[in-house]
Amino acid sequence: MMKKFIAPLLALLVSGCQIDPYTHAPTLTSTDWYDVGMEDAISGSAIKDDDAFSDSQADRGLYLKGYAEGQKKTCQTDFTYARGLSG
């Protein structure tokens, strides 16, 4: 009698652990080219040309504005001091 309940119970428990692959799928959002430019400048990367981007919708103007802003930040004394402390 007990064996009749073990198999269905085990099947129920195992199926309850199944992961739906679509619940953890990344959501596609548009790229913030201003932030990309700023991060490149702060990290010390050279300005990227259009061929470096895999996105045909890349906004070069926003990227360059962000890059310029990132360069300004790297020249601020408190930023360079904090970066030096972080190693």
PDB file of N, CA and C in Angstrom:
ATOM      1  N   MET A   1       0.824  -1.189   0.000  1.00  0.00           N
ATOM      2  CA  MET A   1       0.000   0.000   0.000  1.00  0.00           C
ATOM      3  C   MET A   1       0.870   1.256   0.000  1.00  0.00           C
ATOM      4  N   MET A   2       1.943   1.233   0.785  1.00  0.00           N
ATOM      5  CA  MET A   2       2.820   2.388   0.907  1.00  0.00           C
ATOM      6  C   MET A   2       3.554   2.676  -0.402  1.00  0.00           C
ATOM      7  N   LYS A   3       3.885   1.622  -1.163  1.00  0.00           N
ATOM      8  CA  LYS A   3       4.604   1.787  -2.418  1.00  0.00           C
ATOM      9  C   LYS A   3       3.763   2.527  -3.449  1.00  0.00           C
ATOM     10  N   LYS A   4       2.445   2.421  -3.363  1.00  0.00           N
ATOM     11  CA  LYS A   4       1.563   3.110  -4.307  1.00  0.00           C
ATOM     12  C   LYS A   4       1.639   4.625  -4.118  1.00  0.00           C
ATOM     13  N   PHE A   5       1.944   5.052  -2.915  1.00  0.00           N
ATOM     14  CA  PHE A   5       1.994   6.486  -2.633  1.00  0.00           C
ATOM     15  C   PHE A   5       3.395   7.074  -2.837  1.00  0.00           C
ATOM     16  N   ILE A   6       4.416   6.243  -2.731  1.00  0.00           N
ATOM     17  CA  ILE A   6       5.786   6.747  -2.828  1.00  0.00           C
ATOM     18  C   ILE A   6       6.105   7.228  -4.242  1.00  0.00           C
ATOM     19  N   ALA A   7       5.769   6.451  -5.263  1.00  0.00           N
ATOM     20  CA  ALA A   7       6.092   6.829  -6.638  1.00  0.00           C
ATOM     21  C   ALA A   7       5.410   8.139  -7.050  1.00  0.00           C
ATOM     22  N   PRO A   8       4.077   8.285  -6.847  1.00  0.00           N
ATOM     23  CA  PRO A   8       3.455   9.564  -7.217  1.00  0.00           C
ATOM     24  C   PRO A   8       3.976  10.738  -6.380  1.00  0.00           C
ATOM     25  N   LEU A   9       4.248  10.492  -5.109  1.00  0.00           N
ATOM     26  CA  LEU A   9       4.763  11.553  -4.249  1.00  0.00           C
ATOM     27  C   LEU A   9       6.155  11.986  -4.708  1.00  0.00           C
ATOM     28  N   LEU A  10       6.986  11.026  -5.058  1.00  0.00           N
ATOM     29  CA  LEU A  10       8.322  11.329  -5.550  1.00  0.00           C
ATOM     30  C   LEU A  10       8.249  12.100  -6.871  1.00  0.00           C
ATOM     31  N   ALA A  11       7.358  11.685  -7.764  1.00  0.00           N
ATOM     32  CA  ALA A  11       7.186  12.386  -9.039  1.00  0.00           C
ATOM     33  C   ALA A  11       6.711  13.819  -8.815  1.00  0.00           C
ATOM     34  N   LEU A  12       5.825  14.010  -7.871  1.00  0.00           N
ATOM     35  CA  LEU A  12       5.321  15.341  -7.555  1.00  0.00           C
ATOM     36  C   LEU A  12       6.432  16.226  -6.996  1.00  0.00           C
ATOM     37  N   LEU A  13       7.241  15.674  -6.116  1.00  0.00           N
ATOM     38  CA  LEU A  13       8.340  16.444  -5.534  1.00  0.00           C
ATOM     39  C   LEU A  13       9.385  16.832  -6.577  1.00  0.00           C
ATOM     40  N   VAL A  14       9.721  15.909  -7.449  1.00  0.00           N
ATOM     41  CA  VAL A  14      10.726  16.186  -8.476  1.00  0.00           C
ATOM     42  C   VAL A  14      10.207  17.217  -9.478  1.00  0.00           C
ATOM     43  N   SER A  15       8.954  17.114  -9.861  1.00  0.00           N
ATOM     44  CA  SER A  15       8.413  18.078 -10.825  1.00  0.00           C
ATOM     45  C   SER A  15       8.258  19.458 -10.200  1.00  0.00           C
ATOM     46  N   GLY A  16       8.136  19.520  -8.893  1.00  0.00           N
ATOM     47  CA  GLY A  16       8.044  20.811  -8.216  1.00  0.00           C
ATOM     48  C   GLY A  16       9.358  21.563  -8.235  1.00  0.00           C
ATOM     49  N   CYS A  17      10.459  20.870  -8.476  1.00  0.00           N
ATOM     50  CA  CYS A  17      11.776  21.499  -8.515  1.00  0.00           C
ATOM     51  C   CYS A  17      12.175  21.925  -9.921  1.00  0.00           C
ATOM     52  N   GLN A  18      11.321  21.710 -10.881  1.00  0.00           N
ATOM     53  CA  GLN A  18      11.635  22.077 -12.254  1.00  0.00           C
ATOM     54  C   GLN A  18      11.672  23.593 -12.388  1.00  0.00           C
ATOM     55  N   ILE A  19      12.659  24.092 -13.101  1.00  0.00           N
ATOM     56  CA  ILE A  19      12.806  25.533 -13.302  1.00  0.00           C
ATOM     57  C   ILE A  19      12.265  25.898 -14.675  1.00  0.00           C
ATOM     58  N   ASP A  20      11.439  26.907 -14.703  1.00  0.00           N
ATOM     59  CA  ASP A  20      10.926  27.424 -15.966  1.00  0.00           C
ATOM     60  C   ASP A  20      12.000  28.329 -16.562  1.00  0.00           C
ATOM     61  N   PRO A  21      12.542  27.992 -17.736  1.00  0.00           N
ATOM     62  CA  PRO A  21      13.644  28.788 -18.284  1.00  0.00           C
ATOM     63  C   PRO A  21      13.245  30.216 -18.640  1.00  0.00           C
ATOM     64  N   TYR A  22      11.976  30.478 -18.810  1.00  0.00           N
ATOM     65  CA  TYR A  22      11.556  31.815 -19.211  1.00  0.00           C
ATOM     66  C   TYR A  22      11.399  32.767 -18.032  1.00  0.00           C
ATOM     67  N   THR A  23      11.382  32.256 -16.821  1.00  0.00           N
ATOM     68  CA  THR A  23      11.251  33.158 -15.680  1.00  0.00           C
ATOM     69  C   THR A  23      12.557  33.865 -15.378  1.00  0.00           C
ATOM     70  N   HIS A  24      13.682  33.313 -15.815  1.00  0.00           N
ATOM     71  CA  HIS A  24      14.976  33.922 -15.547  1.00  0.00           C
ATOM     72  C   HIS A  24      15.615  34.478 -16.812  1.00  0.00           C
ATOM     73  N   ALA A  25      14.851  34.610 -17.868  1.00  0.00           N
ATOM     74  CA  ALA A  25      15.391  35.139 -19.111  1.00  0.00           C
ATOM     75  C   ALA A  25      15.668  36.630 -18.950  1.00  0.00           C
ATOM     76  N   PRO A  26      16.779  37.108 -19.492  1.00  0.00           N
ATOM     77  CA  PRO A  26      17.082  38.539 -19.367  1.00  0.00           C
ATOM     78  C   PRO A  26      16.089  39.374 -20.168  1.00  0.00           C
ATOM     79  N   THR A  27      15.781  40.523 -19.644  1.00  0.00           N
ATOM     80  CA  THR A  27      14.900  41.431 -20.369  1.00  0.00           C
ATOM     81  C   THR A  27      15.768  42.330 -21.231  1.00  0.00           C
ATOM     82  N   LEU A  28      15.386  42.474 -22.458  1.00  0.00           N
ATOM     83  CA  LEU A  28      16.158  43.286 -23.380  1.00  0.00           C
ATOM     84  C   LEU A  28      15.736  44.739 -23.254  1.00  0.00           C
ATOM     85  N   THR A  29      16.679  45.571 -22.903  1.00  0.00           N
ATOM     86  CA  THR A  29      16.418  47.001 -22.815  1.00  0.00           C
ATOM     87  C   THR A  29      17.401  47.708 -23.726  1.00  0.00           C
ATOM     88  N   SER A  30      17.070  48.911 -24.075  1.00  0.00           N
ATOM     89  CA  SER A  30      17.968  49.654 -24.940  1.00  0.00           C
ATOM     90  C   SER A  30      19.214  50.062 -24.154  1.00  0.00           C
ATOM     91  N   THR A  31      20.316  50.192 -24.852  1.00  0.00           N
ATOM     92  CA  THR A  31      21.585  50.546 -24.234  1.00  0.00           C
ATOM     93  C   THR A  31      21.622  52.036 -23.955  1.00  0.00           C
ATOM     94  N   ASP A  32      22.106  52.402 -22.790  1.00  0.00           N
ATOM     95  CA  ASP A  32      22.289  53.811 -22.453  1.00  0.00           C
ATOM     96  C   ASP A  32      23.699  54.199 -22.896  1.00  0.00           C
ATOM     97  N   TRP A  33      23.805  54.778 -24.075  1.00  0.00           N
ATOM     98  CA  TRP A  33      25.101  55.061 -24.678  1.00  0.00           C
ATOM     99  C   TRP A  33      25.877  56.124 -23.917  1.00  0.00           C
ATOM    100  N   TYR A  34      25.182  57.014 -23.229  1.00  0.00           N
ATOM    101  CA  TYR A  34      25.845  58.011 -22.392  1.00  0.00           C
ATOM    102  C   TYR A  34      26.623  57.305 -21.279  1.00  0.00           C
ATOM    103  N   ASP A  35      25.969  56.355 -20.608  1.00  0.00           N
ATOM    104  CA  ASP A  35      26.625  55.609 -19.530  1.00  0.00           C
ATOM    105  C   ASP A  35      27.774  54.749 -20.050  1.00  0.00           C
ATOM    106  N   VAL A  36      27.606  54.178 -21.236  1.00  0.00           N
ATOM    107  CA  VAL A  36      28.672  53.357 -21.819  1.00  0.00           C
ATOM    108  C   VAL A  36      29.909  54.221 -22.058  1.00  0.00           C
ATOM    109  N   GLY A  37      29.703  55.417 -22.612  1.00  0.00           N
ATOM    110  CA  GLY A  37      30.822  56.328 -22.844  1.00  0.00           C
ATOM    111  C   GLY A  37      31.493  56.744 -21.553  1.00  0.00           C
ATOM    112  N   MET A  38      30.683  57.042 -20.540  1.00  0.00           N
ATOM    113  CA  MET A  38      31.241  57.456 -19.254  1.00  0.00           C
ATOM    114  C   MET A  38      32.059  56.327 -18.629  1.00  0.00           C
ATOM    115  N   GLU A  39      31.538  55.115 -18.665  1.00  0.00           N
ATOM    116  CA  GLU A  39      32.256  53.972 -18.092  1.00  0.00           C
ATOM    117  C   GLU A  39      33.561  53.706 -18.833  1.00  0.00           C
ATOM    118  N   ASP A  40      33.546  53.864 -20.160  1.00  0.00           N
ATOM    119  CA  ASP A  40      34.773  53.671 -20.931  1.00  0.00           C
ATOM    120  C   ASP A  40      35.837  54.686 -20.526  1.00  0.00           C
ATOM    121  N   ALA A  41      35.438  55.947 -20.372  1.00  0.00           N
ATOM    122  CA  ALA A  41      36.401  56.984 -19.999  1.00  0.00           C
ATOM    123  C   ALA A  41      36.945  56.752 -18.598  1.00  0.00           C
ATOM    124  N   ILE A  42      36.074  56.422 -17.662  1.00  0.00           N
ATOM    125  CA  ILE A  42      36.502  56.218 -16.280  1.00  0.00           C
ATOM    126  C   ILE A  42      37.434  55.013 -16.163  1.00  0.00           C
ATOM    127  N   SER A  43      37.173  53.986 -16.970  1.00  0.00           N
ATOM    128  CA  SER A  43      38.023  52.791 -16.906  1.00  0.00           C
ATOM    129  C   SER A  43      39.328  52.968 -17.673  1.00  0.00           C
ATOM    130  N   GLY A  44      39.464  54.086 -18.398  1.00  0.00           N
ATOM    131  CA  GLY A  44      40.698  54.350 -19.133  1.00  0.00           C
ATOM    132  C   GLY A  44      40.715  53.775 -20.530  1.00  0.00           C
ATOM    133  N   SER A  45      39.586  53.308 -21.015  1.00  0.00           N
ATOM    134  CA  SER A  45      39.516  52.759 -22.369  1.00  0.00           C
ATOM    135  C   SER A  45      39.557  53.883 -23.399  1.00  0.00           C
ATOM    136  N   ALA A  46      40.113  53.586 -24.550  1.00  0.00           N
ATOM    137  CA  ALA A  46      40.125  54.554 -25.645  1.00  0.00           C
ATOM    138  C   ALA A  46      38.720  54.684 -26.216  1.00  0.00           C
ATOM    139  N   ILE A  47      38.466  55.806 -26.877  1.00  0.00           N
ATOM    140  CA  ILE A  47      37.163  56.002 -27.521  1.00  0.00           C
ATOM    141  C   ILE A  47      36.982  54.921 -28.576  1.00  0.00           C
ATOM    142  N   LYS A  48      35.828  54.298 -28.563  1.00  0.00           N
ATOM    143  CA  LYS A  48      35.531  53.241 -29.532  1.00  0.00           C
ATOM    144  C   LYS A  48      34.937  53.851 -30.800  1.00  0.00           C
ATOM    145  N   ASP A  49      35.291  53.265 -31.925  1.00  0.00           N
ATOM    146  CA  ASP A  49      34.661  53.706 -33.163  1.00  0.00           C
ATOM    147  C   ASP A  49      33.381  52.912 -33.390  1.00  0.00           C
ATOM    148  N   ASP A  50      32.627  53.296 -34.402  1.00  0.00           N
ATOM    149  CA  ASP A  50      31.325  52.671 -34.646  1.00  0.00           C
ATOM    150  C   ASP A  50      31.428  51.172 -34.903  1.00  0.00           C
ATOM    151  N   ASP A  51      32.535  50.728 -35.482  1.00  0.00           N
ATOM    152  CA  ASP A  51      32.690  49.301 -35.783  1.00  0.00           C
ATOM    153  C   ASP A  51      32.838  48.453 -34.520  1.00  0.00           C
ATOM    154  N   ALA A  52      33.235  49.074 -33.408  1.00  0.00           N
ATOM    155  CA  ALA A  52      33.423  48.327 -32.159  1.00  0.00           C
ATOM    156  C   ALA A  52      32.096  47.952 -31.515  1.00  0.00           C
ATOM    157  N   PHE A  53      31.038  48.664 -31.861  1.00  0.00           N
ATOM    158  CA  PHE A  53      29.728  48.386 -31.279  1.00  0.00           C
ATOM    159  C   PHE A  53      28.997  47.357 -32.127  1.00  0.00           C
ATOM    160  N   SER A  54      28.385  46.406 -31.475  1.00  0.00           N
ATOM    161  CA  SER A  54      27.631  45.383 -32.201  1.00  0.00           C
ATOM    162  C   SER A  54      26.178  45.803 -32.384  1.00  0.00           C
ATOM    163  N   ASP A  55      25.873  47.039 -32.033  1.00  0.00           N
ATOM    164  CA  ASP A  55      24.501  47.541 -32.107  1.00  0.00           C
ATOM    165  C   ASP A  55      24.406  48.569 -33.223  1.00  0.00           C
ATOM    166  N   SER A  56      23.577  48.291 -34.203  1.00  0.00           N
ATOM    167  CA  SER A  56      23.417  49.234 -35.312  1.00  0.00           C
ATOM    168  C   SER A  56      22.692  50.499 -34.881  1.00  0.00           C
ATOM    169  N   GLN A  57      22.056  50.466 -33.720  1.00  0.00           N
ATOM    170  CA  GLN A  57      21.324  51.621 -33.205  1.00  0.00           C
ATOM    171  C   GLN A  57      22.175  52.450 -32.237  1.00  0.00           C
ATOM    172  N   ALA A  58      23.482  52.249 -32.233  1.00  0.00           N
ATOM    173  CA  ALA A  58      24.358  52.970 -31.301  1.00  0.00           C
ATOM    174  C   ALA A  58      24.255  54.468 -31.544  1.00  0.00           C
ATOM    175  N   ASP A  59      24.106  55.214 -30.457  1.00  0.00           N
ATOM    176  CA  ASP A  59      24.012  56.673 -30.534  1.00  0.00           C
ATOM    177  C   ASP A  59      25.397  57.249 -30.249  1.00  0.00           C
ATOM    178  N   ARG A  60      26.123  57.538 -31.300  1.00  0.00           N
ATOM    179  CA  ARG A  60      27.510  58.005 -31.188  1.00  0.00           C
ATOM    180  C   ARG A  60      27.601  59.329 -30.435  1.00  0.00           C
ATOM    181  N   GLY A  61      26.648  60.219 -30.658  1.00  0.00           N
ATOM    182  CA  GLY A  61      26.650  61.512 -29.979  1.00  0.00           C
ATOM    183  C   GLY A  61      26.538  61.369 -28.472  1.00  0.00           C
ATOM    184  N   LEU A  62      25.605  60.529 -28.025  1.00  0.00           N
ATOM    185  CA  LEU A  62      25.454  60.297 -26.585  1.00  0.00           C
ATOM    186  C   LEU A  62      26.692  59.619 -26.004  1.00  0.00           C
ATOM    187  N   TYR A  63      27.251  58.690 -26.752  1.00  0.00           N
ATOM    188  CA  TYR A  63      28.460  57.999 -26.298  1.00  0.00           C
ATOM    189  C   TYR A  63      29.590  59.000 -26.072  1.00  0.00           C
ATOM    190  N   LEU A  64      29.791  59.909 -27.034  1.00  0.00           N
ATOM    191  CA  LEU A  64      30.869  60.887 -26.920  1.00  0.00           C
ATOM    192  C   LEU A  64      30.624  61.876 -25.785  1.00  0.00           C
ATOM    193  N   LYS A  65      29.361  62.266 -25.569  1.00  0.00           N
ATOM    194  CA  LYS A  65      29.043  63.155 -24.442  1.00  0.00           C
ATOM    195  C   LYS A  65      29.351  62.461 -23.115  1.00  0.00           C
ATOM    196  N   GLY A  66      28.970  61.199 -23.004  1.00  0.00           N
ATOM    197  CA  GLY A  66      29.259  60.442 -21.795  1.00  0.00           C
ATOM    198  C   GLY A  66      30.750  60.251 -21.589  1.00  0.00           C
ATOM    199  N   TYR A  67      31.472  60.028 -22.680  1.00  0.00           N
ATOM    200  CA  TYR A  67      32.922  59.854 -22.595  1.00  0.00           C
ATOM    201  C   TYR A  67      33.578  61.137 -22.088  1.00  0.00           C
ATOM    202  N   ALA A  68      33.142  62.274 -22.623  1.00  0.00           N
ATOM    203  CA  ALA A  68      33.689  63.565 -22.188  1.00  0.00           C
ATOM    204  C   ALA A  68      33.400  63.805 -20.707  1.00  0.00           C
ATOM    205  N   GLU A  69      32.196  63.467 -20.274  1.00  0.00           N
ATOM    206  CA  GLU A  69      31.842  63.634 -18.858  1.00  0.00           C
ATOM    207  C   GLU A  69      32.678  62.705 -17.979  1.00  0.00           C
ATOM    208  N   GLY A  70      32.917  61.497 -18.448  1.00  0.00           N
ATOM    209  CA  GLY A  70      33.756  60.559 -17.707  1.00  0.00           C
ATOM    210  C   GLY A  70      35.189  61.050 -17.587  1.00  0.00           C
ATOM    211  N   GLN A  71      35.699  61.691 -18.652  1.00  0.00           N
ATOM    212  CA  GLN A  71      37.045  62.259 -18.589  1.00  0.00           C
ATOM    213  C   GLN A  71      37.114  63.381 -17.562  1.00  0.00           C
ATOM    214  N   LYS A  72      36.063  64.197 -17.498  1.00  0.00           N
ATOM    215  CA  LYS A  72      36.032  65.278 -16.503  1.00  0.00           C
ATOM    216  C   LYS A  72      36.073  64.703 -15.090  1.00  0.00           C
ATOM    217  N   LYS A  73      35.333  63.617 -14.880  1.00  0.00           N
ATOM    218  CA  LYS A  73      35.302  63.007 -13.542  1.00  0.00           C
ATOM    219  C   LYS A  73      36.667  62.465 -13.147  1.00  0.00           C
ATOM    220  N   THR A  74      37.384  61.879 -14.108  1.00  0.00           N
ATOM    221  CA  THR A  74      38.686  61.303 -13.775  1.00  0.00           C
ATOM    222  C   THR A  74      39.709  62.373 -13.436  1.00  0.00           C
ATOM    223  N   CYS A  75      39.449  63.614 -13.821  1.00  0.00           N
ATOM    224  CA  CYS A  75      40.377  64.709 -13.515  1.00  0.00           C
ATOM    225  C   CYS A  75      40.057  65.388 -12.188  1.00  0.00           C
ATOM    226  N   GLN A  76      38.991  65.012 -11.535  1.00  0.00           N
ATOM    227  CA  GLN A  76      38.641  65.622 -10.252  1.00  0.00           C
ATOM    228  C   GLN A  76      39.502  65.010  -9.147  1.00  0.00           C
ATOM    229  N   THR A  77      39.983  65.855  -8.261  1.00  0.00           N
ATOM    230  CA  THR A  77      40.898  65.419  -7.205  1.00  0.00           C
ATOM    231  C   THR A  77      40.288  64.355  -6.307  1.00  0.00           C
ATOM    232  N   ASP A  78      39.045  64.551  -5.891  1.00  0.00           N
ATOM    233  CA  ASP A  78      38.431  63.574  -4.985  1.00  0.00           C
ATOM    234  C   ASP A  78      38.222  62.224  -5.655  1.00  0.00           C
ATOM    235  N   PHE A  79      37.962  62.237  -6.959  1.00  0.00           N
ATOM    236  CA  PHE A  79      37.787  60.976  -7.687  1.00  0.00           C
ATOM    237  C   PHE A  79      39.108  60.223  -7.765  1.00  0.00           C
ATOM    238  N   THR A  80      40.170  60.933  -8.130  1.00  0.00           N
ATOM    239  CA  THR A  80      41.464  60.258  -8.248  1.00  0.00           C
ATOM    240  C   THR A  80      41.963  59.782  -6.885  1.00  0.00           C
ATOM    241  N   TYR A  81      41.670  60.534  -5.839  1.00  0.00           N
ATOM    242  CA  TYR A  81      42.054  60.123  -4.486  1.00  0.00           C
ATOM    243  C   TYR A  81      41.313  58.839  -4.092  1.00  0.00           C
ATOM    244  N   ALA A  82      39.996  58.807  -4.336  1.00  0.00           N
ATOM    245  CA  ALA A  82      39.200  57.620  -4.004  1.00  0.00           C
ATOM    246  C   ALA A  82      39.644  56.420  -4.831  1.00  0.00           C
ATOM    247  N   ARG A  83      39.972  56.663  -6.072  1.00  0.00           N
ATOM    248  CA  ARG A  83      40.433  55.568  -6.923  1.00  0.00           C
ATOM    249  C   ARG A  83      41.778  55.031  -6.432  1.00  0.00           C
ATOM    250  N   GLY A  84      42.631  55.930  -5.977  1.00  0.00           N
ATOM    251  CA  GLY A  84      43.917  55.508  -5.430  1.00  0.00           C
ATOM    252  C   GLY A  84      43.756  54.684  -4.158  1.00  0.00           C
ATOM    253  N   LEU A  85      42.795  55.066  -3.327  1.00  0.00           N
ATOM    254  CA  LEU A  85      42.547  54.313  -2.096  1.00  0.00           C
ATOM    255  C   LEU A  85      42.012  52.915  -2.380  1.00  0.00           C
ATOM    256  N   SER A  86      41.225  52.799  -3.460  1.00  0.00           N
ATOM    257  CA  SER A  86      40.629  51.499  -3.773  1.00  0.00           C
ATOM    258  C   SER A  86      41.636  50.542  -4.404  1.00  0.00           C
ATOM    259  N   GLY A  87      42.768  51.054  -4.816  1.00  0.00           N
ATOM    260  CA  GLY A  87      43.824  50.185  -5.340  1.00  0.00           C
ATOM    261  C   GLY A  87      43.824  50.176  -6.801  1.00  0.00           C
TER     262      GLY A  87
END
